[in-house]
Amino acid sequence: PDEIEKRIIKHSWIEKVKVTRQFPSTIGIRVWIHKPLALINLIKEKESRLYYLDKRGVIFTDASGYEDIDFPVISGDISQTTMSAMQLADNTLDQQALYFLTLASKGNAVLPIQAISEIQIDKEKGLVVYLAENPFPIYIGQDNIKESYYRLVKILRQLYRRNKITDIAKIQLDYTENKVLVTMIQQ
């Protein structure tokens, strides 16, 4: 069973495997597969590539060659520790972006994960979110990601209700403490 486990776990999509022997002639195999939450854009050897990222922050395989790439993309100033360990480092903006996507993956009708196109990581501005259908920048910042996510949901709900979403130039949740700036397109 140990040898079988070693061979199966080599596949990049396999998160964990447990092989048991059931006498006299049966082998039981349980396999846990990585479930992608997002794609992450990493630069390796001067080449930019997309990789699948799971909810625990594990970068588990190169996305080229796979057809299912309909996931939000994390891009920008990815920390160097991410690239070497193939795991998002704790207490980084990378981890904050993953947390934002985890909140969105819980199924909120106003801001589901499917509505998010990209999260750019900028060391100075923090997280900048872009929606799939309305590509204006949403400046989240670096702190209070959970609070920022739910504030954004409230703002978007109001904008959708008033049919003003297409008039937005940008949203700044990091404007000042307890203040949000919604900039409209000049007509």
Protein backbone atom coordinates (compact mmCIF):
# COMPACT_ATOMS: atom_id res chain seq x y z
CA PRO A 1 0.00 0.00 0.00
CA ASP A 2 2.80 2.48 0.77
CA GLU A 3 4.33 2.02 -2.68
CA ILE A 4 0.94 2.51 -4.35
CA GLU A 5 0.36 5.70 -2.33
CA LYS A 6 3.75 7.08 -3.42
CA ARG A 7 2.94 6.46 -7.07
CA ILE A 8 -0.57 7.96 -6.92
CA ILE A 9 0.43 11.07 -4.94
CA LYS A 10 2.86 12.07 -7.71
CA HIS A 11 -0.08 13.24 -9.84
CA SER A 12 -0.39 17.03 -9.39
CA TRP A 13 -4.18 17.00 -8.90
CA ILE A 14 -3.98 14.52 -6.00
CA GLU A 15 -4.04 16.21 -2.61
CA LYS A 16 -3.98 13.08 -0.46
CA VAL A 17 -4.33 9.33 -0.91
CA LYS A 18 -4.93 6.46 1.48
CA VAL A 19 -4.43 2.87 0.34
CA THR A 20 -5.58 0.00 2.57
CA ARG A 21 -5.25 -3.70 2.11
CA GLN A 22 -8.36 -5.75 2.77
CA PHE A 23 -7.51 -9.43 2.99
CA PRO A 24 -7.59 -11.74 1.21
CA SER A 25 -7.51 -10.06 -2.21
CA THR A 26 -8.83 -6.47 -2.11
CA ILE A 27 -7.15 -3.08 -2.02
CA GLY A 28 -9.10 0.03 -1.00
CA ILE A 29 -7.99 3.38 -2.42
CA ARG A 30 -9.33 6.74 -1.17
CA VAL A 31 -8.24 9.79 -3.11
CA TRP A 32 -8.67 13.47 -2.22
CA ILE A 33 -8.35 15.81 -5.19
CA HIS A 34 -7.36 19.49 -5.16
CA LYS A 35 -10.32 21.71 -6.01
CA PRO A 36 -9.24 24.93 -7.71
CA LEU A 37 -10.52 28.18 -6.24
CA ALA A 38 -8.52 30.51 -8.47
CA LEU A 39 -5.66 30.83 -10.88
CA ILE A 40 -2.45 32.57 -9.89
CA ASN A 41 -0.16 34.26 -12.38
CA LEU A 42 3.46 33.42 -11.52
CA ILE A 43 6.60 34.39 -13.35
CA LYS A 44 9.13 31.59 -13.50
CA GLU A 45 12.31 31.85 -15.54
CA LYS A 46 11.09 35.15 -17.07
CA GLU A 47 7.91 33.49 -18.33
CA SER A 48 4.43 34.27 -17.00
CA ARG A 49 2.24 31.20 -16.40
CA LEU A 50 -1.10 30.47 -14.80
CA TYR A 51 -1.31 27.87 -12.03
CA TYR A 52 -4.28 26.42 -10.18
CA LEU A 53 -4.64 27.50 -6.55
CA ASP A 54 -6.82 25.70 -3.99
CA LYS A 55 -8.65 27.16 -0.98
CA ARG A 56 -5.74 26.37 1.35
CA GLY A 57 -3.32 28.39 -0.76
CA VAL A 58 -1.61 25.41 -2.37
CA ILE A 59 -0.40 26.03 -5.92
CA PHE A 60 -0.80 22.54 -7.28
CA THR A 61 -0.36 22.49 -11.07
CA ASP A 62 0.30 24.51 -14.20
CA ALA A 63 -3.01 25.45 -15.89
CA SER A 64 -1.72 25.15 -19.45
CA GLY A 65 -3.12 22.14 -21.21
CA TYR A 66 -6.37 22.21 -19.23
CA GLU A 67 -9.58 23.61 -20.65
CA ASP A 68 -11.20 24.66 -17.35
CA ILE A 69 -9.66 28.05 -16.65
CA ASP A 70 -12.84 29.94 -15.76
CA PHE A 71 -11.56 31.07 -12.36
CA PRO A 72 -10.58 34.45 -10.93
CA VAL A 73 -6.91 35.29 -11.47
CA ILE A 74 -4.58 36.56 -8.76
CA SER A 75 -1.82 38.62 -10.37
CA GLY A 76 0.66 41.39 -9.67
CA ASP A 77 3.28 41.56 -6.93
CA ILE A 78 3.17 37.92 -5.82
CA SER A 79 5.57 37.29 -2.95
CA GLN A 80 8.75 35.39 -3.80
CA THR A 81 8.12 32.77 -1.12
CA THR A 82 5.03 31.71 -3.05
CA MET A 83 7.05 30.75 -6.06
CA SER A 84 9.54 28.57 -4.23
CA ALA A 85 7.24 26.79 -1.80
CA MET A 86 4.23 26.43 -4.14
CA GLN A 87 2.17 27.54 -1.15
CA LEU A 88 0.95 31.06 -0.40
CA ALA A 89 2.97 32.52 2.43
CA ASP A 90 1.14 33.56 5.60
CA ASN A 91 0.57 37.24 6.35
CA THR A 92 1.00 38.38 2.74
CA LEU A 93 -1.23 40.18 0.29
CA ASP A 94 -1.36 36.88 -1.62
CA GLN A 95 -3.08 35.30 1.38
CA GLN A 96 -5.43 38.32 1.69
CA ALA A 97 -6.47 37.89 -1.97
CA LEU A 98 -7.18 34.22 -1.33
CA TYR A 99 -9.26 35.14 1.74
CA PHE A 100 -11.27 37.64 -0.33
CA LEU A 101 -12.01 34.90 -2.88
CA THR A 102 -12.92 32.47 -0.10
CA LEU A 103 -15.52 34.95 1.15
CA ALA A 104 -16.87 35.33 -2.40
CA SER A 105 -17.03 31.54 -2.82
CA LYS A 106 -19.65 31.26 -0.07
CA GLY A 107 -22.36 32.09 -2.59
CA ASN A 108 -23.32 35.72 -2.05
CA ALA A 109 -25.79 36.64 -4.81
CA VAL A 110 -24.44 40.18 -5.27
CA LEU A 111 -20.73 39.31 -5.39
CA PRO A 112 -20.19 35.61 -6.06
CA ILE A 113 -16.76 34.32 -6.99
CA GLN A 114 -17.91 33.93 -10.63
CA ALA A 115 -18.32 37.73 -10.82
CA ILE A 116 -14.66 38.35 -9.98
CA SER A 117 -12.31 38.43 -12.94
CA GLU A 118 -9.04 39.38 -11.30
CA ILE A 119 -7.42 40.48 -8.07
CA GLN A 120 -4.26 42.45 -8.62
CA ILE A 121 -1.77 42.60 -5.79
CA ASP A 122 -0.01 45.93 -5.50
CA LYS A 123 2.46 46.44 -2.64
CA GLU A 124 1.45 50.08 -2.24
CA LYS A 125 -2.28 50.03 -3.06
CA GLY A 126 -3.06 46.58 -1.64
CA LEU A 127 -5.72 44.52 -3.39
CA VAL A 128 -7.39 45.84 -6.53
CA VAL A 129 -10.40 43.81 -7.66
CA TYR A 130 -11.87 43.74 -11.16
CA LEU A 131 -15.31 42.32 -11.91
CA ALA A 132 -15.99 40.18 -14.97
CA GLU A 133 -18.86 42.24 -16.41
CA ASN A 134 -17.90 45.70 -15.15
CA PRO A 135 -14.13 46.14 -15.38
CA PHE A 136 -13.65 49.24 -13.23
CA PRO A 137 -11.03 49.01 -10.42
CA ILE A 138 -12.18 48.38 -6.86
CA TYR A 139 -9.46 49.37 -4.39
CA ILE A 140 -9.79 47.11 -1.37
CA GLY A 141 -6.55 48.04 0.39
CA GLN A 142 -4.53 45.83 2.72
CA ASP A 143 -6.51 45.65 5.94
CA ASN A 144 -9.88 44.39 7.13
CA ILE A 145 -10.53 42.21 4.09
CA LYS A 146 -13.66 40.63 5.53
CA GLU A 147 -15.17 44.00 6.41
CA SER A 148 -14.19 45.37 2.99
CA TYR A 149 -15.82 42.45 1.19
CA TYR A 150 -19.16 42.95 2.97
CA ARG A 151 -19.02 46.73 2.51
CA LEU A 152 -18.45 46.17 -1.19
CA VAL A 153 -21.45 43.84 -1.33
CA LYS A 154 -23.66 46.58 0.18
CA ILE A 155 -22.36 49.19 -2.26
CA LEU A 156 -22.80 46.94 -5.30
CA ARG A 157 -26.31 45.98 -4.18
CA GLN A 158 -27.28 49.68 -4.15
CA LEU A 159 -25.62 50.34 -7.51
CA TYR A 160 -27.34 47.35 -9.16
CA ARG A 161 -30.74 48.36 -7.74
CA ARG A 162 -30.36 51.91 -9.09
CA ASN A 163 -28.97 50.71 -12.45
CA LYS A 164 -25.85 52.80 -11.86
CA ILE A 165 -23.26 50.01 -12.12
CA THR A 166 -22.31 50.91 -15.71
CA ASP A 167 -21.68 54.54 -14.67
CA ILE A 168 -18.88 53.65 -12.24
CA ALA A 169 -15.26 54.66 -12.92
CA LYS A 170 -13.84 53.23 -9.67
CA ILE A 171 -14.66 52.30 -6.09
CA GLN A 172 -12.21 53.02 -3.27
CA LEU A 173 -12.87 51.12 -0.07
CA ASP A 174 -9.44 52.23 1.17
CA TYR A 175 -10.25 55.97 0.78
CA THR A 176 -10.19 56.82 4.48
CA GLU A 177 -11.29 54.95 7.57
CA ASN A 178 -15.05 54.26 7.47
CA LYS A 179 -15.41 56.15 4.18
CA VAL A 180 -15.90 54.79 0.68
CA LEU A 181 -15.40 56.77 -2.50
CA VAL A 182 -17.46 55.82 -5.55
CA THR A 183 -16.34 57.74 -8.63
CA MET A 184 -18.77 58.03 -11.49
CA ILE A 185 -17.85 58.35 -15.19
CA GLN A 186 -18.05 61.95 -16.33
CA GLN A 187 -20.88 62.40 -18.83
